[in-house]
Structure formats: C-alpha cells, structure tokens
Amino acid sequence: MKDRSQARWNALVQGDLKTAYEFFSPGSRATMSLADFASGIKVGFWKAVTVDKVECNSSDRCDVSTTIEYEFRGSRIKTPSRETWVRDGADWWFLRR
C-alpha cells in the first residue's frame, strides 16, 4: 500500500501522468479521462514527495500522510498532505475526492 502511493507520487514528480492516472480507482477513472486529469496537472510543480505514514481504519480503506515538496518564489516549501486509498479486488487504488 505504501509502495503504491509512493509509486504514484514518483510518477507525478517525474511528469509521467499516464502512470499516475493508472493508480486512480476504477470508479475515478470511469468519471475522469486521462486527458481531463492531465489538463489539471502542472508538470514540474512537485519536486519531491515522501509517504510518511499509512493508517488503515478498515481492511479496505487507508489514509496516507505525505510530505509534498515544491518550489514557490524560489524557495523550497514542504507541506503535509493526506490522501485516501481503497481496496477494490486484489489491489489498492487512489481515491479522487
């Protein structure tokens, strides 16, 4: 689970939007195309992301805490973020809000 979240973020940091999109839950992908997803992404914005902690309140839903690093006005900024992952079948998927 932690590895899947980190892999999704690594793809976003590297600008590999197709790979990042593939981590969305099947329901999210059914309501949002790759083109729609890509149109809302500013490639190069994220400089690094670390998955800090995974908390699972049930066997099919987990909250992931991350630290996102980006550049703003010439300074590197680190900010915490949370995301939700759900199990669907045998895999874990990023749940779009």
PDB file of N, CA and C in Angstrom:
ATOM      1  N   MET A   1       0.824  -1.193   0.000  1.00  0.00           N
ATOM      2  CA  MET A   1       0.000   0.000   0.000  1.00  0.00           C
ATOM      3  C   MET A   1       0.869   1.258   0.000  1.00  0.00           C
ATOM      4  N   LYS A   2       1.813   1.320   0.934  1.00  0.00           N
ATOM      5  CA  LYS A   2       2.717   2.466   0.987  1.00  0.00           C
ATOM      6  C   LYS A   2       3.525   2.583  -0.313  1.00  0.00           C
ATOM      7  N   ASP A   3       3.937   1.428  -0.833  1.00  0.00           N
ATOM      8  CA  ASP A   3       4.721   1.414  -2.073  1.00  0.00           C
ATOM      9  C   ASP A   3       3.906   1.933  -3.252  1.00  0.00           C
ATOM     10  N   ARG A   4       2.619   1.586  -3.321  1.00  0.00           N
ATOM     11  CA  ARG A   4       1.772   2.063  -4.420  1.00  0.00           C
ATOM     12  C   ARG A   4       1.585   3.578  -4.347  1.00  0.00           C
ATOM     13  N   SER A   5       1.393   4.086  -3.148  1.00  0.00           N
ATOM     14  CA  SER A   5       1.250   5.532  -3.000  1.00  0.00           C
ATOM     15  C   SER A   5       2.536   6.248  -3.426  1.00  0.00           C
ATOM     16  N   GLN A   6       3.675   5.725  -2.981  1.00  0.00           N
ATOM     17  CA  GLN A   6       4.954   6.345  -3.347  1.00  0.00           C
ATOM     18  C   GLN A   6       5.178   6.262  -4.850  1.00  0.00           C
ATOM     19  N   ALA A   7       4.817   5.132  -5.464  1.00  0.00           N
ATOM     20  CA  ALA A   7       4.989   4.974  -6.916  1.00  0.00           C
ATOM     21  C   ALA A   7       4.130   5.981  -7.677  1.00  0.00           C
ATOM     22  N   ARG A   8       2.901   6.220  -7.190  1.00  0.00           N
ATOM     23  CA  ARG A   8       2.039   7.217  -7.841  1.00  0.00           C
ATOM     24  C   ARG A   8       2.675   8.598  -7.764  1.00  0.00           C
ATOM     25  N   TRP A   9       3.164   8.944  -6.575  1.00  0.00           N
ATOM     26  CA  TRP A   9       3.794  10.254  -6.414  1.00  0.00           C
ATOM     27  C   TRP A   9       5.076  10.365  -7.226  1.00  0.00           C
ATOM     28  N   ASN A  10       5.852   9.293  -7.284  1.00  0.00           N
ATOM     29  CA  ASN A  10       7.073   9.324  -8.098  1.00  0.00           C
ATOM     30  C   ASN A  10       6.725   9.610  -9.554  1.00  0.00           C
ATOM     31  N   ALA A  11       5.648   9.005 -10.045  1.00  0.00           N
ATOM     32  CA  ALA A  11       5.218   9.258 -11.424  1.00  0.00           C
ATOM     33  C   ALA A  11       4.823  10.722 -11.608  1.00  0.00           C
ATOM     34  N   LEU A  12       4.089  11.286 -10.648  1.00  0.00           N
ATOM     35  CA  LEU A  12       3.706  12.693 -10.744  1.00  0.00           C
ATOM     36  C   LEU A  12       4.922  13.611 -10.736  1.00  0.00           C
ATOM     37  N   VAL A  13       5.868  13.351  -9.853  1.00  0.00           N
ATOM     38  CA  VAL A  13       7.083  14.171  -9.776  1.00  0.00           C
ATOM     39  C   VAL A  13       7.850  14.098 -11.096  1.00  0.00           C
ATOM     40  N   GLN A  14       7.862  12.919 -11.714  1.00  0.00           N
ATOM     41  CA  GLN A  14       8.595  12.721 -12.970  1.00  0.00           C
ATOM     42  C   GLN A  14       7.804  13.183 -14.195  1.00  0.00           C
ATOM     43  N   GLY A  15       6.553  13.593 -13.988  1.00  0.00           N
ATOM     44  CA  GLY A  15       5.741  14.054 -15.097  1.00  0.00           C
ATOM     45  C   GLY A  15       5.118  12.930 -15.912  1.00  0.00           C
ATOM     46  N   ASP A  16       5.118  11.719 -15.377  1.00  0.00           N
ATOM     47  CA  ASP A  16       4.541  10.562 -16.060  1.00  0.00           C
ATOM     48  C   ASP A  16       3.057  10.466 -15.681  1.00  0.00           C
ATOM     49  N   LEU A  17       2.242  11.272 -16.329  1.00  0.00           N
ATOM     50  CA  LEU A  17       0.832  11.379 -15.960  1.00  0.00           C
ATOM     51  C   LEU A  17       0.037  10.125 -16.294  1.00  0.00           C
ATOM     52  N   LYS A  18       0.397   9.424 -17.343  1.00  0.00           N
ATOM     53  CA  LYS A  18      -0.304   8.190 -17.685  1.00  0.00           C
ATOM     54  C   LYS A  18      -0.149   7.166 -16.559  1.00  0.00           C
ATOM     55  N   THR A  19       1.049   6.996 -16.063  1.00  0.00           N
ATOM     56  CA  THR A  19       1.280   6.052 -14.966  1.00  0.00           C
ATOM     57  C   THR A  19       0.552   6.508 -13.707  1.00  0.00           C
ATOM     58  N   ALA A  20       0.621   7.788 -13.389  1.00  0.00           N
ATOM     59  CA  ALA A  20      -0.064   8.309 -12.201  1.00  0.00           C
ATOM     60  C   ALA A  20      -1.569   8.093 -12.301  1.00  0.00           C
ATOM     61  N   TYR A  21      -2.121   8.283 -13.483  1.00  0.00           N
ATOM     62  CA  TYR A  21      -3.558   8.110 -13.718  1.00  0.00           C
ATOM     63  C   TYR A  21      -3.985   6.664 -13.465  1.00  0.00           C
ATOM     64  N   GLU A  22      -3.140   5.723 -13.782  1.00  0.00           N
ATOM     65  CA  GLU A  22      -3.466   4.311 -13.628  1.00  0.00           C
ATOM     66  C   GLU A  22      -3.631   3.892 -12.163  1.00  0.00           C
ATOM     67  N   PHE A  23      -3.215   4.734 -11.226  1.00  0.00           N
ATOM     68  CA  PHE A  23      -3.390   4.436  -9.799  1.00  0.00           C
ATOM     69  C   PHE A  23      -4.767   4.877  -9.281  1.00  0.00           C
ATOM     70  N   PHE A  24      -5.507   5.664 -10.071  1.00  0.00           N
ATOM     71  CA  PHE A  24      -6.853   6.064  -9.659  1.00  0.00           C
ATOM     72  C   PHE A  24      -7.751   4.837  -9.562  1.00  0.00           C
ATOM     73  N   SER A  25      -8.703   4.887  -8.655  1.00  0.00           N
ATOM     74  CA  SER A  25      -9.652   3.793  -8.515  1.00  0.00           C
ATOM     75  C   SER A  25     -10.424   3.621  -9.825  1.00  0.00           C
ATOM     76  N   PRO A  26     -10.919   2.419 -10.084  1.00  0.00           N
ATOM     77  CA  PRO A  26     -11.713   2.213 -11.295  1.00  0.00           C
ATOM     78  C   PRO A  26     -12.890   3.194 -11.385  1.00  0.00           C
ATOM     79  N   GLY A  27     -13.538   3.481 -10.276  1.00  0.00           N
ATOM     80  CA  GLY A  27     -14.646   4.440 -10.282  1.00  0.00           C
ATOM     81  C   GLY A  27     -14.197   5.837 -10.658  1.00  0.00           C
ATOM     82  N   SER A  28     -13.035   6.251 -10.162  1.00  0.00           N
ATOM     83  CA  SER A  28     -12.496   7.565 -10.502  1.00  0.00           C
ATOM     84  C   SER A  28     -12.167   7.641 -11.989  1.00  0.00           C
ATOM     85  N   ARG A  29     -11.556   6.581 -12.524  1.00  0.00           N
ATOM     86  CA  ARG A  29     -11.215   6.563 -13.951  1.00  0.00           C
ATOM     87  C   ARG A  29     -12.459   6.537 -14.829  1.00  0.00           C
ATOM     88  N   ALA A  30     -13.551   5.980 -14.307  1.00  0.00           N
ATOM     89  CA  ALA A  30     -14.800   5.939 -15.081  1.00  0.00           C
ATOM     90  C   ALA A  30     -15.432   7.325 -15.217  1.00  0.00           C
ATOM     91  N   THR A  31     -15.118   8.219 -14.279  1.00  0.00           N
ATOM     92  CA  THR A  31     -15.723   9.555 -14.310  1.00  0.00           C
ATOM     93  C   THR A  31     -14.756  10.643 -14.744  1.00  0.00           C
ATOM     94  N   MET A  32     -13.484  10.292 -14.954  1.00  0.00           N
ATOM     95  CA  MET A  32     -12.485  11.278 -15.357  1.00  0.00           C
ATOM     96  C   MET A  32     -11.521  10.634 -16.345  1.00  0.00           C
ATOM     97  N   SER A  33     -11.407  11.216 -17.509  1.00  0.00           N
ATOM     98  CA  SER A  33     -10.489  10.684 -18.518  1.00  0.00           C
ATOM     99  C   SER A  33      -9.045  11.077 -18.199  1.00  0.00           C
ATOM    100  N   LEU A  34      -8.120  10.401 -18.843  1.00  0.00           N
ATOM    101  CA  LEU A  34      -6.711  10.755 -18.704  1.00  0.00           C
ATOM    102  C   LEU A  34      -6.489  12.196 -19.160  1.00  0.00           C
ATOM    103  N   ALA A  35      -7.134  12.597 -20.234  1.00  0.00           N
ATOM    104  CA  ALA A  35      -6.978  13.968 -20.742  1.00  0.00           C
ATOM    105  C   ALA A  35      -7.475  14.990 -19.724  1.00  0.00           C
ATOM    106  N   ASP A  36      -8.608  14.703 -19.088  1.00  0.00           N
ATOM    107  CA  ASP A  36      -9.128  15.615 -18.060  1.00  0.00           C
ATOM    108  C   ASP A  36      -8.170  15.696 -16.879  1.00  0.00           C
ATOM    109  N   PHE A  37      -7.664  14.554 -16.444  1.00  0.00           N
ATOM    110  CA  PHE A  37      -6.691  14.518 -15.348  1.00  0.00           C
ATOM    111  C   PHE A  37      -5.454  15.333 -15.714  1.00  0.00           C
ATOM    112  N   ALA A  38      -4.914  15.072 -16.894  1.00  0.00           N
ATOM    113  CA  ALA A  38      -3.680  15.734 -17.327  1.00  0.00           C
ATOM    114  C   ALA A  38      -3.866  17.241 -17.463  1.00  0.00           C
ATOM    115  N   SER A  39      -5.057  17.677 -17.859  1.00  0.00           N
ATOM    116  CA  SER A  39      -5.281  19.109 -18.043  1.00  0.00           C
ATOM    117  C   SER A  39      -5.240  19.880 -16.727  1.00  0.00           C
ATOM    118  N   GLY A  40      -5.421  19.193 -15.606  1.00  0.00           N
ATOM    119  CA  GLY A  40      -5.395  19.859 -14.306  1.00  0.00           C
ATOM    120  C   GLY A  40      -4.073  19.751 -13.568  1.00  0.00           C
ATOM    121  N   ILE A  41      -3.064  19.192 -14.226  1.00  0.00           N
ATOM    122  CA  ILE A  41      -1.766  18.968 -13.592  1.00  0.00           C
ATOM    123  C   ILE A  41      -0.736  19.942 -14.150  1.00  0.00           C
ATOM    124  N   LYS A  42       0.001  20.553 -13.270  1.00  0.00           N
ATOM    125  CA  LYS A  42       1.109  21.416 -13.672  1.00  0.00           C
ATOM    126  C   LYS A  42       2.400  20.600 -13.541  1.00  0.00           C
ATOM    127  N   VAL A  43       2.822  20.019 -14.652  1.00  0.00           N
ATOM    128  CA  VAL A  43       4.018  19.176 -14.646  1.00  0.00           C
ATOM    129  C   VAL A  43       5.211  20.002 -14.180  1.00  0.00           C
ATOM    130  N   GLY A  44       5.984  19.428 -13.286  1.00  0.00           N
ATOM    131  CA  GLY A  44       7.160  20.104 -12.743  1.00  0.00           C
ATOM    132  C   GLY A  44       6.898  20.831 -11.437  1.00  0.00           C
ATOM    133  N   PHE A  45       5.636  20.918 -11.021  1.00  0.00           N
ATOM    134  CA  PHE A  45       5.302  21.627  -9.785  1.00  0.00           C
ATOM    135  C   PHE A  45       5.891  20.921  -8.567  1.00  0.00           C
ATOM    136  N   TRP A  46       5.690  19.614  -8.480  1.00  0.00           N
ATOM    137  CA  TRP A  46       6.201  18.862  -7.325  1.00  0.00           C
ATOM    138  C   TRP A  46       7.664  18.545  -7.548  1.00  0.00           C
ATOM    139  N   LYS A  47       8.461  18.759  -6.524  1.00  0.00           N
ATOM    140  CA  LYS A  47       9.888  18.475  -6.611  1.00  0.00           C
ATOM    141  C   LYS A  47      10.232  17.142  -5.956  1.00  0.00           C
ATOM    142  N   ALA A  48       9.500  16.783  -4.906  1.00  0.00           N
ATOM    143  CA  ALA A  48       9.703  15.503  -4.212  1.00  0.00           C
ATOM    144  C   ALA A  48       8.493  15.259  -3.320  1.00  0.00           C
ATOM    145  N   VAL A  49       8.190  14.003  -3.094  1.00  0.00           N
ATOM    146  CA  VAL A  49       7.103  13.626  -2.193  1.00  0.00           C
ATOM    147  C   VAL A  49       7.543  12.399  -1.424  1.00  0.00           C
ATOM    148  N   THR A  50       7.296  12.417  -0.130  1.00  0.00           N
ATOM    149  CA  THR A  50       7.608  11.284   0.722  1.00  0.00           C
ATOM    150  C   THR A  50       6.335  10.793   1.384  1.00  0.00           C
ATOM    151  N   VAL A  51       6.095   9.493   1.299  1.00  0.00           N
ATOM    152  CA  VAL A  51       4.974   8.894   2.017  1.00  0.00           C
ATOM    153  C   VAL A  51       5.456   8.649   3.440  1.00  0.00           C
ATOM    154  N   ASP A  52       4.829   9.332   4.392  1.00  0.00           N
ATOM    155  CA  ASP A  52       5.275   9.285   5.782  1.00  0.00           C
ATOM    156  C   ASP A  52       4.605   8.181   6.592  1.00  0.00           C
ATOM    157  N   LYS A  53       3.288   8.015   6.394  1.00  0.00           N
ATOM    158  CA  LYS A  53       2.563   7.090   7.259  1.00  0.00           C
ATOM    159  C   LYS A  53       1.303   6.606   6.562  1.00  0.00           C
ATOM    160  N   VAL A  54       0.939   5.356   6.842  1.00  0.00           N
ATOM    161  CA  VAL A  54      -0.307   4.774   6.334  1.00  0.00           C
ATOM    162  C   VAL A  54      -1.117   4.325   7.537  1.00  0.00           C
ATOM    163  N   GLU A  55      -2.372   4.788   7.607  1.00  0.00           N
ATOM    164  CA  GLU A  55      -3.278   4.395   8.682  1.00  0.00           C
ATOM    165  C   GLU A  55      -4.517   3.761   8.056  1.00  0.00           C
ATOM    166  N   CYS A  56      -4.784   2.514   8.436  1.00  0.00           N
ATOM    167  CA  CYS A  56      -5.934   1.794   7.887  1.00  0.00           C
ATOM    168  C   CYS A  56      -6.968   1.604   8.988  1.00  0.00           C
ATOM    169  N   ASN A  57      -8.131   2.227   8.810  1.00  0.00           N
ATOM    170  CA  ASN A  57      -9.213   2.100   9.778  1.00  0.00           C
ATOM    171  C   ASN A  57     -10.094   0.903   9.489  1.00  0.00           C
ATOM    172  N   SER A  58      -9.917   0.309   8.310  1.00  0.00           N
ATOM    173  CA  SER A  58     -10.639  -0.908   7.952  1.00  0.00           C
ATOM    174  C   SER A  58      -9.753  -1.705   6.999  1.00  0.00           C
ATOM    175  N   SER A  59     -10.214  -2.878   6.627  1.00  0.00           N
ATOM    176  CA  SER A  59      -9.404  -3.728   5.755  1.00  0.00           C
ATOM    177  C   SER A  59      -9.436  -3.274   4.298  1.00  0.00           C
ATOM    178  N   ASP A  60     -10.308  -2.295   3.980  1.00  0.00           N
ATOM    179  CA  ASP A  60     -10.400  -1.866   2.581  1.00  0.00           C
ATOM    180  C   ASP A  60     -10.298  -0.356   2.385  1.00  0.00           C
ATOM    181  N   ARG A  61      -9.816   0.373   3.404  1.00  0.00           N
ATOM    182  CA  ARG A  61      -9.657   1.825   3.280  1.00  0.00           C
ATOM    183  C   ARG A  61      -8.487   2.287   4.153  1.00  0.00           C
ATOM    184  N   CYS A  62      -7.600   3.069   3.560  1.00  0.00           N
ATOM    185  CA  CYS A  62      -6.448   3.589   4.291  1.00  0.00           C
ATOM    186  C   CYS A  62      -6.256   5.068   3.992  1.00  0.00           C
ATOM    187  N   ASP A  63      -5.785   5.798   4.991  1.00  0.00           N
ATOM    188  CA  ASP A  63      -5.384   7.192   4.812  1.00  0.00           C
ATOM    189  C   ASP A  63      -3.865   7.239   4.783  1.00  0.00           C
ATOM    190  N   VAL A  64      -3.344   7.976   3.831  1.00  0.00           N
ATOM    191  CA  VAL A  64      -1.903   8.069   3.642  1.00  0.00           C
ATOM    192  C   VAL A  64      -1.478   9.511   3.908  1.00  0.00           C
ATOM    193  N   SER A  65      -0.496   9.680   4.775  1.00  0.00           N
ATOM    194  CA  SER A  65       0.069  11.004   5.070  1.00  0.00           C
ATOM    195  C   SER A  65       1.359  11.161   4.274  1.00  0.00           C
ATOM    196  N   THR A  66       1.474  12.294   3.579  1.00  0.00           N
ATOM    197  CA  THR A  66       2.652  12.563   2.769  1.00  0.00           C
ATOM    198  C   THR A  66       3.233  13.930   3.104  1.00  0.00           C
ATOM    199  N   THR A  67       4.469  14.120   2.718  1.00  0.00           N
ATOM    200  CA  THR A  67       5.095  15.435   2.737  1.00  0.00           C
ATOM    201  C   THR A  67       5.420  15.775   1.290  1.00  0.00           C
ATOM    202  N   ILE A  68       4.816  16.860   0.817  1.00  0.00           N
ATOM    203  CA  ILE A  68       4.994  17.294  -0.561  1.00  0.00           C
ATOM    204  C   ILE A  68       5.960  18.471  -0.577  1.00  0.00           C
ATOM    205  N   GLU A  69       6.936  18.386  -1.463  1.00  0.00           N
ATOM    206  CA  GLU A  69       7.925  19.454  -1.595  1.00  0.00           C
ATOM    207  C   GLU A  69       7.766  20.104  -2.965  1.00  0.00           C
ATOM    208  N   TYR A  70       7.651  21.430  -2.960  1.00  0.00           N
ATOM    209  CA  TYR A  70       7.500  22.170  -4.210  1.00  0.00           C
ATOM    210  C   TYR A  70       8.265  23.485  -4.084  1.00  0.00           C
ATOM    211  N   GLU A  71       8.414  24.160  -5.202  1.00  0.00           N
ATOM    212  CA  GLU A  71       9.132  25.431  -5.208  1.00  0.00           C
ATOM    213  C   GLU A  71       8.138  26.570  -5.359  1.00  0.00           C
ATOM    214  N   PHE A  72       8.304  27.581  -4.523  1.00  0.00           N
ATOM    215  CA  PHE A  72       7.433  28.748  -4.584  1.00  0.00           C
ATOM    216  C   PHE A  72       8.295  29.989  -4.410  1.00  0.00           C
ATOM    217  N   ARG A  73       8.274  30.831  -5.426  1.00  0.00           N
ATOM    218  CA  ARG A  73       9.064  32.076  -5.421  1.00  0.00           C
ATOM    219  C   ARG A  73      10.527  31.837  -5.061  1.00  0.00           C
ATOM    220  N   GLY A  74      11.082  30.781  -5.637  1.00  0.00           N
ATOM    221  CA  GLY A  74      12.492  30.489  -5.454  1.00  0.00           C
ATOM    222  C   GLY A  74      12.845  29.745  -4.186  1.00  0.00           C
ATOM    223  N   SER A  75      11.868  29.423  -3.363  1.00  0.00           N
ATOM    224  CA  SER A  75      12.133  28.684  -2.126  1.00  0.00           C
ATOM    225  C   SER A  75      11.448  27.323  -2.164  1.00  0.00           C
ATOM    226  N   ARG A  76      12.127  26.340  -1.590  1.00  0.00           N
ATOM    227  CA  ARG A  76      11.530  25.015  -1.457  1.00  0.00           C
ATOM    228  C   ARG A  76      10.614  25.015  -0.242  1.00  0.00           C
ATOM    229  N   ILE A  77       9.397  24.575  -0.456  1.00  0.00           N
ATOM    230  CA  ILE A  77       8.379  24.517   0.592  1.00  0.00           C
ATOM    231  C   ILE A  77       7.998  23.062   0.800  1.00  0.00           C
ATOM    232  N   LYS A  78       7.852  22.654   2.052  1.00  0.00           N
ATOM    233  CA  LYS A  78       7.351  21.317   2.372  1.00  0.00           C
ATOM    234  C   LYS A  78       6.020  21.481   3.080  1.00  0.00           C
ATOM    235  N   THR A  79       5.047  20.699   2.648  1.00  0.00           N
ATOM    236  CA  THR A  79       3.727  20.784   3.248  1.00  0.00           C
ATOM    237  C   THR A  79       3.146  19.380   3.410  1.00  0.00           C
ATOM    238  N   PRO A  80       2.431  19.149   4.508  1.00  0.00           N
ATOM    239  CA  PRO A  80       1.800  17.833   4.678  1.00  0.00           C
ATOM    240  C   PRO A  80       0.548  17.716   3.823  1.00  0.00           C
ATOM    241  N   SER A  81       0.220  16.493   3.487  1.00  0.00           N
ATOM    242  CA  SER A  81      -0.993  16.221   2.725  1.00  0.00           C
ATOM    243  C   SER A  81      -1.509  14.844   3.123  1.00  0.00           C
ATOM    244  N   ARG A  82      -2.812  14.641   2.921  1.00  0.00           N
ATOM    245  CA  ARG A  82      -3.417  13.333   3.197  1.00  0.00           C
ATOM    246  C   ARG A  82      -4.201  12.896   1.973  1.00  0.00           C
ATOM    247  N   GLU A  83      -4.185  11.608   1.738  1.00  0.00           N
ATOM    248  CA  GLU A  83      -4.951  11.039   0.647  1.00  0.00           C
ATOM    249  C   GLU A  83      -5.565   9.724   1.101  1.00  0.00           C
ATOM    250  N   THR A  84      -6.602   9.307   0.385  1.00  0.00           N
ATOM    251  CA  THR A  84      -7.311   8.084   0.736  1.00  0.00           C
ATOM    252  C   THR A  84      -7.099   7.042  -0.359  1.00  0.00           C
ATOM    253  N   TRP A  85      -6.872   5.812   0.084  1.00  0.00           N
ATOM    254  CA  TRP A  85      -6.725   4.671  -0.814  1.00  0.00           C
ATOM    255  C   TRP A  85      -7.755   3.627  -0.406  1.00  0.00           C
ATOM    256  N   VAL A  86      -8.312   2.949  -1.412  1.00  0.00           N
ATOM    257  CA  VAL A  86      -9.315   1.911  -1.157  1.00  0.00           C
ATOM    258  C   VAL A  86      -8.902   0.618  -1.862  1.00  0.00           C
ATOM    259  N   ARG A  87      -9.311  -0.491  -1.245  1.00  0.00           N
ATOM    260  CA  ARG A  87      -9.057  -1.786  -1.874  1.00  0.00           C
ATOM    261  C   ARG A  87     -10.261  -2.123  -2.749  1.00  0.00           C
ATOM    262  N   ASP A  88      -9.977  -2.494  -3.977  1.00  0.00           N
ATOM    263  CA  ASP A  88     -11.004  -2.958  -4.902  1.00  0.00           C
ATOM    264  C   ASP A  88     -10.422  -4.197  -5.563  1.00  0.00           C
ATOM    265  N   GLY A  89     -10.981  -5.340  -5.246  1.00  0.00           N
ATOM    266  CA  GLY A  89     -10.400  -6.580  -5.729  1.00  0.00           C
ATOM    267  C   GLY A  89      -9.110  -6.853  -4.987  1.00  0.00           C
ATOM    268  N   ALA A  90      -8.082  -7.201  -5.713  1.00  0.00           N
ATOM    269  CA  ALA A  90      -6.804  -7.549  -5.094  1.00  0.00           C
ATOM    270  C   ALA A  90      -5.864  -6.358  -4.928  1.00  0.00           C
ATOM    271  N   ASP A  91      -6.223  -5.193  -5.491  1.00  0.00           N
ATOM    272  CA  ASP A  91      -5.310  -4.047  -5.482  1.00  0.00           C
ATOM    273  C   ASP A  91      -5.850  -2.867  -4.691  1.00  0.00           C
ATOM    274  N   TRP A  92      -4.923  -1.972  -4.366  1.00  0.00           N
ATOM    275  CA  TRP A  92      -5.249  -0.709  -3.705  1.00  0.00           C
ATOM    276  C   TRP A  92      -5.255   0.389  -4.749  1.00  0.00           C
ATOM    277  N   TRP A  93      -6.202   1.336  -4.610  1.00  0.00           N
ATOM    278  CA  TRP A  93      -6.374   2.404  -5.589  1.00  0.00           C
ATOM    279  C   TRP A  93      -6.508   3.754  -4.889  1.00  0.00           C
ATOM    280  N   PHE A  94      -5.952   4.769  -5.521  1.00  0.00           N
ATOM    281  CA  PHE A  94      -6.079   6.148  -5.057  1.00  0.00           C
ATOM    282  C   PHE A  94      -7.518   6.620  -5.284  1.00  0.00           C
ATOM    283  N   LEU A  95      -8.108   7.193  -4.258  1.00  0.00           N
ATOM    284  CA  LEU A  95      -9.486   7.651  -4.345  1.00  0.00           C
ATOM    285  C   LEU A  95      -9.492   9.158  -4.552  1.00  0.00           C
ATOM    286  N   ARG A  96      -9.988   9.568  -5.703  1.00  0.00           N
ATOM    287  CA  ARG A  96     -10.059  11.002  -6.019  1.00  0.00           C
ATOM    288  C   ARG A  96     -11.204  11.626  -5.231  1.00  0.00           C
ATOM    289  N   ARG A  97     -10.960  12.789  -4.674  1.00  0.00           N
ATOM    290  CA  ARG A  97     -12.010  13.494  -3.916  1.00  0.00           C
ATOM    291  C   ARG A  97     -12.747  14.461  -4.786  1.00  0.00           C
TER     292      ARG A  97
END
